[in-house]
Amino acid sequence: MVRIIGKVMHTVRARLSQPRNERGEGAVPWLVVLGFGVAIAIFAGDSVMAFAQSLVGQLGGK
């Protein structure tokens, strides 16, 4: 998970260092990076929710 976030941050940093292209050709890679970011956020949210549910389930079992 940390490697994926690192790769996304590296890609964003590389894209920001390139000169701007006013023709709109650079929009597709940005959409791909944005899509990966949303997917990671959704996956992380599901993981946190599952952890919280398991933690609460263990608290009531004593």
N, C-alpha and C. Protein backbone atom coordinates (compact mmCIF):
# COMPACT_ATOMS: atom_id res chain seq x y z
N MET A 1 0.83 -1.19 0.00
CA MET A 1 0.00 0.00 0.00
C MET A 1 0.87 1.25 0.00
N VAL A 2 1.93 1.23 0.82
CA VAL A 2 2.82 2.39 0.89
C VAL A 2 3.54 2.59 -0.43
N ARG A 3 3.91 1.50 -1.09
CA ARG A 3 4.58 1.60 -2.39
C ARG A 3 3.67 2.22 -3.43
N ILE A 4 2.39 1.85 -3.41
CA ILE A 4 1.44 2.40 -4.38
C ILE A 4 1.29 3.90 -4.18
N ILE A 5 1.15 4.33 -2.94
CA ILE A 5 1.02 5.76 -2.65
C ILE A 5 2.29 6.49 -3.07
N GLY A 6 3.45 5.88 -2.82
CA GLY A 6 4.71 6.47 -3.24
C GLY A 6 4.81 6.63 -4.74
N LYS A 7 4.34 5.62 -5.47
CA LYS A 7 4.37 5.70 -6.94
C LYS A 7 3.43 6.79 -7.44
N VAL A 8 2.26 6.90 -6.82
CA VAL A 8 1.31 7.96 -7.22
C VAL A 8 1.93 9.33 -6.97
N MET A 9 2.54 9.51 -5.80
CA MET A 9 3.15 10.79 -5.48
C MET A 9 4.30 11.10 -6.45
N HIS A 10 5.08 10.08 -6.82
CA HIS A 10 6.17 10.26 -7.78
C HIS A 10 5.61 10.67 -9.14
N THR A 11 4.53 10.04 -9.56
CA THR A 11 3.91 10.37 -10.85
C THR A 11 3.39 11.80 -10.85
N VAL A 12 2.74 12.19 -9.75
CA VAL A 12 2.22 13.56 -9.66
C VAL A 12 3.37 14.56 -9.70
N ARG A 13 4.44 14.27 -8.97
CA ARG A 13 5.60 15.17 -8.94
C ARG A 13 6.21 15.28 -10.34
N ALA A 14 6.29 14.17 -11.06
CA ALA A 14 6.85 14.20 -12.41
C ALA A 14 5.96 15.00 -13.36
N ARG A 15 4.65 14.85 -13.18
CA ARG A 15 3.73 15.59 -14.05
C ARG A 15 3.78 17.08 -13.78
N LEU A 16 3.98 17.47 -12.52
CA LEU A 16 4.02 18.89 -12.20
C LEU A 16 5.30 19.55 -12.70
N SER A 17 6.37 18.78 -12.84
CA SER A 17 7.64 19.35 -13.28
C SER A 17 7.68 19.56 -14.79
N GLN A 18 6.77 18.94 -15.54
CA GLN A 18 6.75 19.10 -16.99
C GLN A 18 6.08 20.42 -17.36
N PRO A 19 6.51 21.02 -18.48
CA PRO A 19 5.85 22.26 -18.91
C PRO A 19 4.39 22.00 -19.26
N ARG A 20 3.58 23.02 -19.07
CA ARG A 20 2.15 22.87 -19.33
C ARG A 20 1.87 22.72 -20.82
N ASN A 21 0.90 21.87 -21.12
CA ASN A 21 0.48 21.65 -22.49
C ASN A 21 -0.94 22.19 -22.61
N GLU A 22 -1.13 23.26 -23.35
CA GLU A 22 -2.42 23.91 -23.44
C GLU A 22 -3.38 23.21 -24.40
N ARG A 23 -2.94 22.16 -25.08
CA ARG A 23 -3.81 21.48 -26.04
C ARG A 23 -4.73 20.46 -25.38
N GLY A 24 -4.52 20.14 -24.14
CA GLY A 24 -5.38 19.19 -23.46
C GLY A 24 -4.91 17.75 -23.57
N GLU A 25 -3.74 17.52 -24.17
CA GLU A 25 -3.24 16.16 -24.33
C GLU A 25 -2.82 15.56 -23.00
N GLY A 26 -2.52 16.39 -22.02
CA GLY A 26 -2.07 15.91 -20.72
C GLY A 26 -3.22 15.54 -19.78
N ALA A 27 -4.45 15.66 -20.25
CA ALA A 27 -5.60 15.41 -19.38
C ALA A 27 -5.76 13.93 -19.07
N VAL A 28 -5.48 13.06 -20.01
CA VAL A 28 -5.68 11.63 -19.81
C VAL A 28 -4.79 11.07 -18.70
N PRO A 29 -3.49 11.36 -18.69
CA PRO A 29 -2.68 10.87 -17.57
C PRO A 29 -3.14 11.41 -16.22
N TRP A 30 -3.60 12.66 -16.18
CA TRP A 30 -4.10 13.21 -14.93
C TRP A 30 -5.34 12.46 -14.47
N LEU A 31 -6.20 12.11 -15.40
CA LEU A 31 -7.40 11.36 -15.03
C LEU A 31 -7.04 9.97 -14.51
N VAL A 32 -6.02 9.37 -15.08
CA VAL A 32 -5.56 8.06 -14.60
C VAL A 32 -5.02 8.18 -13.18
N VAL A 33 -4.20 9.20 -12.92
CA VAL A 33 -3.66 9.41 -11.58
C VAL A 33 -4.78 9.69 -10.60
N LEU A 34 -5.74 10.50 -10.99
CA LEU A 34 -6.88 10.81 -10.13
C LEU A 34 -7.69 9.55 -9.85
N GLY A 35 -7.90 8.71 -10.86
CA GLY A 35 -8.63 7.46 -10.68
C GLY A 35 -7.94 6.53 -9.70
N PHE A 36 -6.60 6.43 -9.82
CA PHE A 36 -5.85 5.61 -8.87
C PHE A 36 -5.98 6.16 -7.46
N GLY A 37 -5.94 7.47 -7.33
CA GLY A 37 -6.08 8.09 -6.00
C GLY A 37 -7.42 7.78 -5.38
N VAL A 38 -8.48 7.85 -6.17
CA VAL A 38 -9.82 7.54 -5.66
C VAL A 38 -9.92 6.07 -5.29
N ALA A 39 -9.36 5.19 -6.11
CA ALA A 39 -9.40 3.76 -5.81
C ALA A 39 -8.65 3.45 -4.52
N ILE A 40 -7.50 4.07 -4.32
CA ILE A 40 -6.74 3.85 -3.09
C ILE A 40 -7.53 4.36 -1.90
N ALA A 41 -8.17 5.52 -2.02
CA ALA A 41 -8.95 6.07 -0.92
C ALA A 41 -10.12 5.15 -0.57
N ILE A 42 -10.79 4.61 -1.57
CA ILE A 42 -11.90 3.70 -1.31
C ILE A 42 -11.41 2.42 -0.65
N PHE A 43 -10.31 1.86 -1.15
CA PHE A 43 -9.75 0.64 -0.57
C PHE A 43 -9.31 0.88 0.87
N ALA A 44 -8.66 2.01 1.11
CA ALA A 44 -8.21 2.32 2.48
C ALA A 44 -9.40 2.51 3.40
N GLY A 45 -10.45 3.15 2.91
CA GLY A 45 -11.66 3.34 3.73
C GLY A 45 -12.30 2.02 4.09
N ASP A 46 -12.36 1.09 3.15
CA ASP A 46 -12.92 -0.23 3.42
C ASP A 46 -12.08 -0.98 4.45
N SER A 47 -10.77 -0.86 4.33
CA SER A 47 -9.88 -1.54 5.27
C SER A 47 -10.03 -0.98 6.68
N VAL A 48 -10.13 0.34 6.79
CA VAL A 48 -10.30 0.97 8.10
C VAL A 48 -11.64 0.58 8.70
N MET A 49 -12.68 0.53 7.89
CA MET A 49 -14.01 0.17 8.38
C MET A 49 -14.02 -1.28 8.85
N ALA A 50 -13.40 -2.18 8.11
CA ALA A 50 -13.35 -3.58 8.51
C ALA A 50 -12.57 -3.73 9.82
N PHE A 51 -11.48 -3.00 9.97
CA PHE A 51 -10.70 -3.05 11.20
C PHE A 51 -11.53 -2.54 12.38
N ALA A 52 -12.24 -1.43 12.18
CA ALA A 52 -13.06 -0.89 13.26
C ALA A 52 -14.18 -1.85 13.66
N GLN A 53 -14.80 -2.48 12.68
CA GLN A 53 -15.86 -3.43 12.99
C GLN A 53 -15.33 -4.63 13.75
N SER A 54 -14.16 -5.13 13.37
CA SER A 54 -13.59 -6.27 14.08
C SER A 54 -13.18 -5.88 15.50
N LEU A 55 -12.69 -4.67 15.66
CA LEU A 55 -12.29 -4.19 16.98
C LEU A 55 -13.50 -4.05 17.90
N VAL A 56 -14.57 -3.49 17.39
CA VAL A 56 -15.79 -3.32 18.19
C VAL A 56 -16.40 -4.68 18.50
N GLY A 57 -16.34 -5.60 17.54
CA GLY A 57 -16.87 -6.95 17.79
C GLY A 57 -16.09 -7.68 18.88
N GLN A 58 -14.81 -7.44 18.98
CA GLN A 58 -13.99 -8.07 20.02
C GLN A 58 -14.25 -7.44 21.38
N LEU A 59 -14.61 -6.19 21.43
CA LEU A 59 -14.86 -5.53 22.71
C LEU A 59 -16.10 -6.09 23.41
N GLY A 60 -17.12 -6.42 22.63
CA GLY A 60 -18.35 -6.94 23.21
C GLY A 60 -18.27 -8.41 23.59
N GLY A 61 -17.26 -9.12 23.13
CA GLY A 61 -17.16 -10.57 23.34
C GLY A 61 -16.57 -11.01 24.67
N LYS A 62 -16.13 -10.10 25.50
CA LYS A 62 -15.47 -10.48 26.76
C LYS A 62 -16.45 -10.93 27.74
